[in-house]
Amino acid sequence: MQALHRLTSLPRLVPRVVPSLIPRAAFSVSSVVNHKPNARKQLQGTGAVPQRTSTFHHFWLRDHCHCDQCYHPITRQRLVDTFTIPRDIQPVATDSTEEGLRLTWPDGHQSLYLWDWLHTHSYSPVLRSSEPLQGKLPKLWDVSIAKNLPTVEFEQVMETKEGLKEWLYQLETFGISFVENVPITIEATEQLGRRISFLRESHYSKGMWCVAADLSHADTAYTTLPLDAHTDNTYFTEPSGLQMFHKLEVDGTGGDSLFVDGFNVAEELKKLSPTAYRTLSNTRIPSHSAGDEDILIVPTPRGYPILNHGPDGQLFQVRYNNNDRSTVDHLSSSQLEEFYDALFLWSKILKDKKNELWNTLDPGRAVIFDNWRVLHGRAAFTGQRKLCGAYFPWDDYKSRARTVRMTPQDKDRLL
């Protein structure tokens, strides 16, 4: 049996004997110690649920000591050697302070666990109301968003932290943001993008790229043809997280840009046909990029669903480009029928006018959008149209979004 500390919110910490999957001889047992008064002082107003209790193993507590000897204060990396800690370890002294719970271990080592840190990392059961590193909850949108587009000014983004913070808030919330009064140069557009992170290189370019109807790459984007709503890089194991466009030149007609909230389309699909939603969440679709002579890119594994979910069941990524779909030869006859039924319904909702946001994207207005959520396309055009843009890595975008709104103390509490 493993001794545990128990945290209640508005809370109490007590060691307690409970069953475990580890052999019983490996665990320690200790008596109850009450820490409720000091914990209450620190946890009031944290969103704790009254009268709920969470437990903590002694071993887990020792393994998660954040003193300077066990956890580097600058790099925030673990220094403790997990495998030298006795599995039956238990504290020899327990001290409740206003700051947190202080434990003294058999070798004299002392650990301090802040009350809010314990609440944030409670696990048996979870007391927190949201995941520690969860981003902003998405707000779904349709064509009505055109009445109040998420917009920021170039100068504010480039010169103020608040401008950058608002830009990233819009991206996390709506999956798209327009930047006004951007100097009409590729250099200024690149500077704007680098306010978020470094650019992601690809077979299209080493950083910024320019798209014109010149077939400089064997891809339909480099023609005057219309492009249906899609996400980019379905053929990459990890598609780019963000994509940015800025139209630098236009001499002709047409070529307006199209944007669709894929999360909103997915939500409509789920309501209309749970079966179709389930099919597009489970059916792996192979894809490729193979137009350029020296390029043959396919993802690992070979295919991914159009709708991708995390362990919590939440949709986190839409991955759809019907033009880049490879031959579907891995489904049975019944599975194939189910897939095409679901795909047709998905396409119907995707092309519903009420879900389509069209924008001329005039020179001086840049747009950046979440490539894991917002699908994009364009109308056919005549003449010349030069568009510059860039890809950005997902993890680095999300890192920037977190750190711009967090303090160092927030980091320490959440990790």
Protein backbone atom coordinates (compact mmCIF):
# COMPACT_ATOMS: atom_id res chain seq x y z
CA MET A 1 0.00 0.00 0.00
CA GLN A 2 1.27 3.47 -0.91
CA ALA A 3 0.78 6.36 1.45
CA LEU A 4 -0.81 9.39 -0.15
CA HIS A 5 -1.28 13.04 0.61
CA ARG A 6 -4.82 14.19 0.08
CA LEU A 7 -5.76 17.70 -1.07
CA THR A 8 -9.29 18.99 -0.70
CA SER A 9 -10.31 22.23 -2.28
CA LEU A 10 -10.88 24.48 0.09
CA PRO A 11 -8.64 21.98 1.09
CA ARG A 12 -6.88 19.60 3.32
CA LEU A 13 -3.74 17.57 2.74
CA VAL A 14 -3.58 14.19 4.45
CA PRO A 15 -1.57 11.02 3.89
CA ARG A 16 -3.87 8.04 3.46
CA VAL A 17 -3.57 4.31 2.78
CA VAL A 18 -5.05 3.23 -0.59
CA PRO A 19 -4.66 0.17 -2.85
CA SER A 20 -2.14 0.30 -5.68
CA LEU A 21 -1.03 -1.78 -8.64
CA ILE A 22 2.58 -1.82 -7.38
CA PRO A 23 3.45 -4.72 -5.03
CA ARG A 24 2.32 -3.84 -1.53
CA ALA A 25 5.70 -4.31 0.08
CA ALA A 26 7.04 -1.44 -2.00
CA PHE A 27 4.84 1.19 -0.34
CA SER A 28 4.82 3.14 2.85
CA VAL A 29 2.05 3.91 5.31
CA SER A 30 1.74 7.02 7.49
CA SER A 31 -0.84 8.68 9.67
CA VAL A 32 -3.16 11.57 8.86
CA VAL A 33 -1.90 15.16 9.13
CA ASN A 34 -4.34 18.07 8.66
CA HIS A 35 -3.20 21.10 6.58
CA LYS A 36 -6.57 22.64 5.85
CA PRO A 37 -6.21 26.14 7.41
CA ASN A 38 -3.08 27.25 5.53
CA ALA A 39 -4.14 25.64 2.25
CA ARG A 40 -7.47 27.47 2.40
CA LYS A 41 -5.70 30.84 2.66
CA GLN A 42 -3.80 30.27 -0.57
CA LEU A 43 -6.49 28.54 -2.63
CA GLN A 44 -9.44 30.85 -2.11
CA GLY A 45 -10.40 32.31 -5.49
CA THR A 46 -8.55 29.69 -7.55
CA GLY A 47 -11.68 28.03 -8.87
CA ALA A 48 -11.37 25.02 -6.57
CA VAL A 49 -14.49 22.89 -6.20
CA PRO A 50 -15.53 22.80 -2.53
CA GLN A 51 -15.28 19.51 -0.62
CA ARG A 52 -13.49 17.57 -3.34
CA THR A 53 -10.39 15.60 -2.44
CA SER A 54 -7.29 14.64 -4.39
CA THR A 55 -4.48 12.35 -3.26
CA PHE A 56 -0.72 12.41 -3.89
CA HIS A 57 1.71 9.51 -3.55
CA HIS A 58 4.76 10.05 -1.35
CA PHE A 59 6.95 8.75 -4.16
CA TRP A 60 5.30 11.12 -6.66
CA LEU A 61 5.87 14.06 -4.31
CA ARG A 62 9.58 13.24 -3.88
CA ASP A 63 9.92 12.70 -7.64
CA HIS A 64 8.39 16.14 -8.28
CA CYS A 65 10.43 18.18 -5.83
CA HIS A 66 11.16 21.60 -7.38
CA CYS A 67 13.99 22.76 -5.14
CA ASP A 68 17.13 24.01 -6.89
CA GLN A 69 18.86 20.67 -6.35
CA CYS A 70 16.06 18.72 -8.01
CA TYR A 71 14.85 21.18 -10.63
CA HIS A 72 17.04 23.70 -12.46
CA PRO A 73 15.66 27.19 -11.69
CA ILE A 74 16.73 28.62 -15.07
CA THR A 75 16.25 25.82 -17.57
CA ARG A 76 13.22 24.36 -15.76
CA GLN A 77 14.52 20.85 -16.34
CA ARG A 78 14.45 17.98 -13.88
CA LEU A 79 17.68 17.20 -12.02
CA VAL A 80 16.36 14.59 -9.59
CA ASP A 81 17.31 10.98 -10.31
CA THR A 82 13.96 9.22 -10.19
CA PHE A 83 15.56 5.79 -10.07
CA THR A 84 17.50 6.36 -6.83
CA ILE A 85 14.33 7.21 -4.87
CA PRO A 86 13.11 4.28 -2.73
CA ARG A 87 9.65 3.23 -3.88
CA ASP A 88 8.53 2.98 -0.26
CA ILE A 89 9.81 6.43 0.69
CA GLN A 90 7.86 8.47 3.22
CA PRO A 91 8.55 11.82 4.88
CA VAL A 92 9.95 11.92 8.40
CA ALA A 93 8.48 15.36 9.04
CA THR A 94 5.57 17.37 7.66
CA ASP A 95 5.12 21.10 8.09
CA SER A 96 2.15 23.14 6.91
CA THR A 97 3.06 26.74 6.10
CA GLU A 98 1.08 29.58 4.58
CA GLU A 99 3.15 29.18 1.43
CA GLY A 100 2.76 25.45 1.02
CA LEU A 101 3.41 21.95 2.30
CA ARG A 102 6.99 21.30 3.44
CA LEU A 103 8.17 17.70 3.68
CA THR A 104 11.43 16.42 5.14
CA TRP A 105 12.69 13.13 3.72
CA PRO A 106 14.78 10.42 5.45
CA ASP A 107 18.06 11.76 4.01
CA GLY A 108 17.34 15.25 5.36
CA HIS A 109 16.28 16.66 2.00
CA GLN A 110 13.43 19.18 2.23
CA SER A 111 10.74 19.80 -0.40
CA LEU A 112 8.23 22.65 -0.53
CA TYR A 113 5.00 22.22 -2.56
CA LEU A 114 3.01 25.43 -3.07
CA TRP A 115 -0.71 25.03 -2.48
CA ASP A 116 -1.65 26.38 -5.92
CA TRP A 117 0.91 24.08 -7.56
CA LEU A 118 -0.64 21.08 -5.80
CA HIS A 119 -4.11 22.17 -6.88
CA THR A 120 -2.96 22.68 -10.49
CA HIS A 121 -1.35 19.24 -10.65
CA SER A 122 -3.91 17.25 -8.69
CA TYR A 123 -4.49 13.92 -10.37
CA SER A 124 -6.48 11.56 -8.16
CA PRO A 125 -8.93 12.99 -8.95
CA VAL A 126 -8.25 16.18 -10.89
CA LEU A 127 -9.40 19.32 -9.02
CA ARG A 128 -8.46 21.93 -11.62
CA SER A 129 -11.21 23.19 -13.88
CA SER A 130 -9.06 23.31 -17.04
CA GLU A 131 -5.84 21.82 -18.33
CA PRO A 132 -2.79 23.85 -17.25
CA LEU A 133 -1.48 24.64 -20.74
CA GLN A 134 -4.78 24.75 -22.59
CA GLY A 135 -5.01 27.60 -25.09
CA LYS A 136 -7.92 29.95 -25.65
CA LEU A 137 -11.19 28.20 -26.38
CA PRO A 138 -12.08 28.56 -30.07
CA LYS A 139 -15.04 30.70 -31.09
CA LEU A 140 -16.68 29.20 -34.15
CA TRP A 141 -17.62 31.48 -37.04
CA ASP A 142 -19.31 31.64 -40.41
CA VAL A 143 -19.74 34.34 -43.05
CA SER A 144 -21.20 36.70 -40.44
CA ILE A 145 -17.68 37.28 -39.12
CA ALA A 146 -17.22 39.61 -42.11
CA LYS A 147 -19.17 42.25 -40.17
CA ASN A 148 -16.45 42.38 -37.52
CA LEU A 149 -13.23 40.85 -38.81
CA PRO A 150 -10.49 40.03 -36.27
CA THR A 151 -8.07 42.83 -37.15
CA VAL A 152 -4.91 44.43 -35.77
CA GLU A 153 -2.64 47.22 -36.97
CA PHE A 154 0.83 46.43 -38.28
CA GLU A 155 2.45 49.14 -36.17
CA GLN A 156 0.81 47.90 -32.97
CA VAL A 157 1.92 44.33 -33.57
CA MET A 158 5.47 45.35 -34.40
CA GLU A 159 6.01 47.90 -31.61
CA THR A 160 3.92 46.84 -28.62
CA LYS A 161 3.50 43.71 -26.54
CA GLU A 162 -0.21 44.43 -26.24
CA GLY A 163 -0.56 44.51 -30.03
CA LEU A 164 1.26 41.18 -30.32
CA LYS A 165 -0.85 39.73 -27.51
CA GLU A 166 -4.09 40.78 -29.22
CA TRP A 167 -2.89 39.32 -32.54
CA LEU A 168 -2.16 35.96 -30.94
CA TYR A 169 -5.42 36.06 -29.01
CA GLN A 170 -7.33 36.44 -32.27
CA LEU A 171 -5.41 33.56 -33.83
CA GLU A 172 -6.09 31.23 -30.91
CA THR A 173 -9.73 32.27 -30.64
CA PHE A 174 -10.86 32.65 -34.25
CA GLY A 175 -8.05 30.87 -36.07
CA ILE A 176 -7.57 33.92 -38.31
CA SER A 177 -6.45 37.55 -38.06
CA PHE A 178 -6.05 40.34 -40.59
CA VAL A 179 -3.22 42.86 -40.25
CA GLU A 180 -3.83 46.32 -41.68
CA ASN A 181 -1.37 48.85 -43.13
CA VAL A 182 1.46 46.41 -43.75
CA PRO A 183 4.16 47.95 -45.97
CA ILE A 184 3.79 46.34 -49.38
CA THR A 185 7.14 44.56 -49.44
CA ILE A 186 8.22 41.00 -48.85
CA GLU A 187 10.74 42.26 -46.27
CA ALA A 188 8.11 43.97 -44.10
CA THR A 189 5.83 40.94 -44.37
CA GLU A 190 8.66 38.70 -43.20
CA GLN A 191 9.36 41.01 -40.24
CA LEU A 192 5.69 40.76 -39.31
CA GLY A 193 5.77 36.97 -39.40
CA ARG A 194 8.91 36.76 -37.31
CA ARG A 195 7.10 38.54 -34.46
CA ILE A 196 5.58 35.11 -33.86
CA SER A 197 8.43 32.73 -34.63
CA PHE A 198 10.98 31.67 -37.19
CA LEU A 199 9.62 30.61 -40.56
CA ARG A 200 9.25 26.99 -41.56
CA GLU A 201 11.27 25.92 -44.55
CA SER A 202 9.77 23.56 -47.11
CA HIS A 203 10.38 22.35 -50.65
CA TYR A 204 8.69 25.58 -51.78
CA SER A 205 11.25 27.92 -50.20
CA LYS A 206 13.76 28.46 -47.42
CA GLY A 207 11.46 30.93 -45.71
CA MET A 208 9.22 33.46 -47.44
CA TRP A 209 7.70 32.34 -50.70
CA CYS A 210 5.95 34.10 -53.57
CA VAL A 211 3.07 32.58 -55.53
CA ALA A 212 2.42 33.69 -59.10
CA ALA A 213 0.81 32.01 -62.09
CA ASP A 214 4.15 30.85 -63.47
CA LEU A 215 4.26 27.13 -62.53
CA SER A 216 7.61 27.74 -60.85
CA HIS A 217 6.45 24.77 -58.76
CA ALA A 218 4.33 21.97 -60.16
CA ASP A 219 1.35 22.84 -57.99
CA THR A 220 -2.07 24.24 -58.91
CA ALA A 221 -1.44 27.17 -56.55
CA TYR A 222 1.02 28.41 -59.21
CA THR A 223 -1.70 28.71 -61.87
CA THR A 224 -4.73 30.96 -62.46
CA LEU A 225 -7.13 28.13 -61.61
CA PRO A 226 -9.63 28.39 -58.74
CA LEU A 227 -8.76 26.53 -55.55
CA ASP A 228 -11.44 24.95 -53.37
CA ALA A 229 -11.19 25.35 -49.60
CA HIS A 230 -8.38 23.20 -48.25
CA THR A 231 -5.62 23.05 -45.67
CA ASP A 232 -1.99 22.98 -46.75
CA ASN A 233 0.63 20.29 -46.15
CA THR A 234 -1.67 17.30 -45.71
CA TYR A 235 1.27 15.35 -47.14
CA PHE A 236 3.54 16.38 -44.25
CA THR A 237 3.62 14.25 -41.12
CA GLU A 238 3.13 17.54 -39.26
CA PRO A 239 1.42 20.20 -41.37
CA SER A 240 2.48 23.80 -40.81
CA GLY A 241 0.68 25.37 -37.89
CA LEU A 242 0.15 28.84 -39.34
CA GLN A 243 0.15 30.29 -42.82
CA MET A 244 0.46 33.94 -43.83
CA PHE A 245 -0.55 35.70 -47.08
CA HIS A 246 0.10 39.22 -48.33
CA LYS A 247 -0.82 40.24 -51.87
CA LEU A 248 1.95 42.45 -53.24
CA GLU A 249 0.83 42.93 -56.84
CA VAL A 250 -2.40 42.54 -58.78
CA ASP A 251 -3.14 43.39 -62.40
CA GLY A 252 -6.28 41.66 -63.61
CA THR A 253 -9.61 40.43 -62.32
CA GLY A 254 -10.69 37.82 -59.78
CA GLY A 255 -8.40 36.01 -57.38
CA ASP A 256 -10.30 36.83 -54.19
CA SER A 257 -9.27 34.75 -51.16
CA LEU A 258 -11.59 32.27 -49.44
CA PHE A 259 -11.55 31.24 -45.78
CA VAL A 260 -13.73 28.69 -43.95
CA ASP A 261 -13.73 27.76 -40.26
CA GLY A 262 -13.13 24.01 -40.39
CA PHE A 263 -14.08 23.58 -36.73
CA ASN A 264 -17.47 25.13 -37.45
CA VAL A 265 -17.99 22.88 -40.48
CA ALA A 266 -17.03 19.86 -38.36
CA GLU A 267 -19.52 20.88 -35.69
CA GLU A 268 -22.30 21.17 -38.31
CA LEU A 269 -21.34 17.76 -39.70
CA LYS A 270 -21.49 16.17 -36.25
CA LYS A 271 -24.98 17.55 -35.65
CA LEU A 272 -26.24 16.58 -39.09
CA SER A 273 -24.70 13.11 -39.23
CA PRO A 274 -22.78 11.64 -36.28
CA THR A 275 -22.02 8.64 -38.50
CA ALA A 276 -20.34 10.78 -41.16
CA TYR A 277 -18.40 12.66 -38.48
CA ARG A 278 -17.19 9.38 -37.01
CA THR A 279 -16.18 8.11 -40.46
CA LEU A 280 -14.06 11.19 -41.22
CA SER A 281 -12.52 10.93 -37.74
CA ASN A 282 -11.47 7.30 -38.19
CA THR A 283 -10.71 6.86 -41.90
CA ARG A 284 -7.07 7.47 -42.76
CA ILE A 285 -6.59 9.29 -46.06
CA PRO A 286 -3.25 8.99 -47.91
CA SER A 287 -1.82 12.15 -49.48
CA HIS A 288 1.25 13.25 -51.39
CA SER A 289 3.24 16.07 -52.96
CA ALA A 290 4.95 14.85 -56.11
CA GLY A 291 4.74 17.52 -58.83
CA ASP A 292 8.34 18.74 -58.76
CA GLU A 293 10.79 16.34 -60.39
CA ASP A 294 12.87 15.73 -57.28
CA ILE A 295 10.00 15.64 -54.79
CA LEU A 296 7.90 12.73 -53.51
CA ILE A 297 6.59 13.59 -50.06
CA VAL A 298 4.15 11.39 -48.14
CA PRO A 299 3.38 11.47 -44.42
CA THR A 300 4.29 8.92 -41.75
CA PRO A 301 2.08 7.00 -41.19
CA ARG A 302 0.85 6.98 -44.77
CA GLY A 303 -2.53 8.54 -44.04
CA TYR A 304 -4.38 10.65 -41.46
CA PRO A 305 -8.09 11.29 -40.88
CA ILE A 306 -9.64 14.55 -42.04
CA LEU A 307 -10.77 15.19 -38.45
CA ASN A 308 -8.13 14.56 -35.78
CA HIS A 309 -8.86 14.42 -32.05
CA GLY A 310 -6.81 14.39 -28.86
CA PRO A 311 -7.06 11.83 -26.05
CA ASP A 312 -9.79 14.01 -24.50
CA GLY A 313 -11.92 13.62 -27.62
CA GLN A 314 -11.58 17.27 -28.61
CA LEU A 315 -11.04 18.12 -32.28
CA PHE A 316 -7.62 19.76 -32.66
CA GLN A 317 -6.85 19.49 -36.37
CA VAL A 318 -8.64 19.54 -39.71
CA ARG A 319 -6.51 18.00 -42.44
CA TYR A 320 -8.18 18.25 -45.84
CA ASN A 321 -7.09 18.80 -49.41
CA ASN A 322 -8.98 16.74 -51.94
CA ASN A 323 -6.47 17.69 -54.66
CA ASP A 324 -3.57 16.17 -52.71
CA ARG A 325 -5.39 12.94 -51.88
CA SER A 326 -3.57 9.82 -53.05
CA THR A 327 -5.27 6.69 -54.39
CA VAL A 328 -7.63 5.28 -51.78
CA ASP A 329 -7.02 1.55 -52.09
CA HIS A 330 -6.98 0.40 -48.48
CA LEU A 331 -10.73 0.36 -47.70
CA SER A 332 -13.23 -2.44 -48.07
CA SER A 333 -16.28 -1.96 -50.30
CA SER A 334 -18.52 -1.04 -47.37
CA GLN A 335 -15.88 1.27 -45.87
CA LEU A 336 -15.44 2.94 -49.25
CA GLU A 337 -19.18 3.67 -49.50
CA GLU A 338 -19.21 5.10 -45.97
CA PHE A 339 -16.17 7.26 -46.73
CA TYR A 340 -17.61 8.76 -49.91
CA ASP A 341 -20.99 9.35 -48.25
CA ALA A 342 -19.25 11.25 -45.45
CA LEU A 343 -16.93 13.09 -47.84
CA PHE A 344 -19.83 14.32 -49.99
CA LEU A 345 -21.66 15.63 -46.94
CA TRP A 346 -18.49 17.32 -45.66
CA SER A 347 -17.98 19.01 -49.04
CA LYS A 348 -21.59 20.17 -49.15
CA ILE A 349 -21.31 21.90 -45.77
CA LEU A 350 -17.87 23.25 -46.62
CA LYS A 351 -19.18 24.91 -49.79
CA ASP A 352 -22.32 26.31 -48.19
CA LYS A 353 -22.27 30.07 -48.85
CA LYS A 354 -23.07 30.81 -45.23
CA ASN A 355 -19.73 29.27 -44.23
CA GLU A 356 -17.56 31.05 -46.82
CA LEU A 357 -15.66 34.22 -45.98
CA TRP A 358 -14.39 35.93 -49.14
CA ASN A 359 -11.91 38.80 -49.03
CA THR A 360 -10.09 40.72 -51.76
CA LEU A 361 -7.00 40.82 -49.55
CA ASP A 362 -5.85 44.11 -51.08
CA PRO A 363 -2.15 45.03 -50.92
CA GLY A 364 -1.39 46.36 -47.44
CA ARG A 365 -3.68 43.84 -45.74
CA ALA A 366 -1.98 40.63 -44.63
CA VAL A 367 -3.78 37.63 -43.22
CA ILE A 368 -2.46 34.89 -40.97
CA PHE A 369 -4.48 31.82 -40.10
CA ASP A 370 -4.41 28.50 -38.28
CA ASN A 371 -3.67 25.85 -40.91
CA TRP A 372 -4.93 23.16 -38.51
CA ARG A 373 -8.36 24.78 -38.42
CA VAL A 374 -9.09 27.34 -41.16
CA LEU A 375 -9.35 26.15 -44.75
CA HIS A 376 -8.45 28.55 -47.53
CA GLY A 377 -8.94 28.82 -51.28
CA ARG A 378 -9.23 31.38 -54.05
CA ALA A 379 -11.26 32.36 -57.07
CA ALA A 380 -9.87 32.00 -60.58
CA PHE A 381 -8.20 35.11 -61.91
CA THR A 382 -6.88 36.74 -65.06
CA GLY A 383 -3.69 38.73 -65.47
CA GLN A 384 -1.02 38.78 -62.82
CA ARG A 385 -1.32 38.24 -59.08
CA LYS A 386 1.74 38.04 -56.83
CA LEU A 387 1.19 36.79 -53.31
CA CYS A 388 3.95 36.38 -50.74
CA GLY A 389 3.63 34.27 -47.64
CA ALA A 390 5.17 31.90 -45.17
CA TYR A 391 4.60 28.81 -43.07
CA PHE A 392 5.13 28.66 -39.29
CA PRO A 393 5.68 25.64 -37.02
CA TRP A 394 2.73 24.76 -34.78
CA ASP A 395 4.70 24.27 -31.57
CA ASP A 396 6.59 27.55 -31.88
CA TYR A 397 3.38 29.47 -32.61
CA LYS A 398 1.70 27.98 -29.54
CA SER A 399 4.79 28.65 -27.43
CA ARG A 400 4.71 32.32 -28.41
CA ALA A 401 0.98 32.52 -27.67
CA ARG A 402 1.55 31.10 -24.17
CA THR A 403 4.59 33.11 -23.17
CA VAL A 404 3.18 36.45 -24.32
CA ARG A 405 0.38 36.10 -21.75
CA MET A 406 2.30 34.36 -18.96
CA THR A 407 4.64 35.46 -16.20
CA PRO A 408 7.64 33.40 -15.04
CA GLN A 409 5.57 32.53 -11.96
CA ASP A 410 2.84 31.17 -14.25
CA LYS A 411 5.40 28.92 -15.90
CA ASP A 412 6.57 27.57 -12.55
CA ARG A 413 3.02 26.82 -11.47
CA LEU A 414 2.02 25.11 -14.69
CA LEU A 415 5.05 22.85 -15.19
